[in-house]
Amino acid sequence: SSYGYDIRSGLEFKIFSNLNASIVDPKNLDAKSYQDVVVEKNGDFVIIPPNSFLLAYSLEYIRMPRDASAIVLGKSTYARAGLNCLATPLESEWEGHITLEFSNTTPLPMKFYAGEGCCQLLFFKGNRCDVSYADRGGKYQKQSACVTLPKL
């Protein structure tokens, strides 16, 4: 679009639900909290259970310049159906495949299509920062094309 960039999801997902009644602890994530799902090709879909959460990764590899940041925002088609893309920042000099976070806010199951546009980056240009994400050795730097879970 004019001031942003559309992002597509990959083919692997982690779907969080209450299936195993686990507690989600970002500092010690239990594998029982989520189910790994892989689809074969773009256009295939996964089902996000009601009031549940999905992690995906972007097909695009992003390299942020030192004088810009970006915010990941949802697209209106999914938002109007009740799927929220949680806004996360991409800091100056961060690079990698983005881990995308989505929440199904409806009481109904929802389809989520792999390989299709699901969110958008909005870019903000500023002055060159003194200390970038790369300078700090950020823990999510150079993420690969897979879902990255929380790190301490």
Foldseek 3Di string as FASTA:
>chain_A
DVFKFFWFWAFKKWKFDCPPPDDADLADGDSVRTDIDGDDDFFDKDKHAEQIKMKTWTPDKDFAAQFKKKWKFWDPVVVVQQKGWDIDMGWHGAIAIDITMITRHGNGIDIDTHGDGTIMIGMDGHPRDPATCVNVVPPCGHYYRGHDGRDD
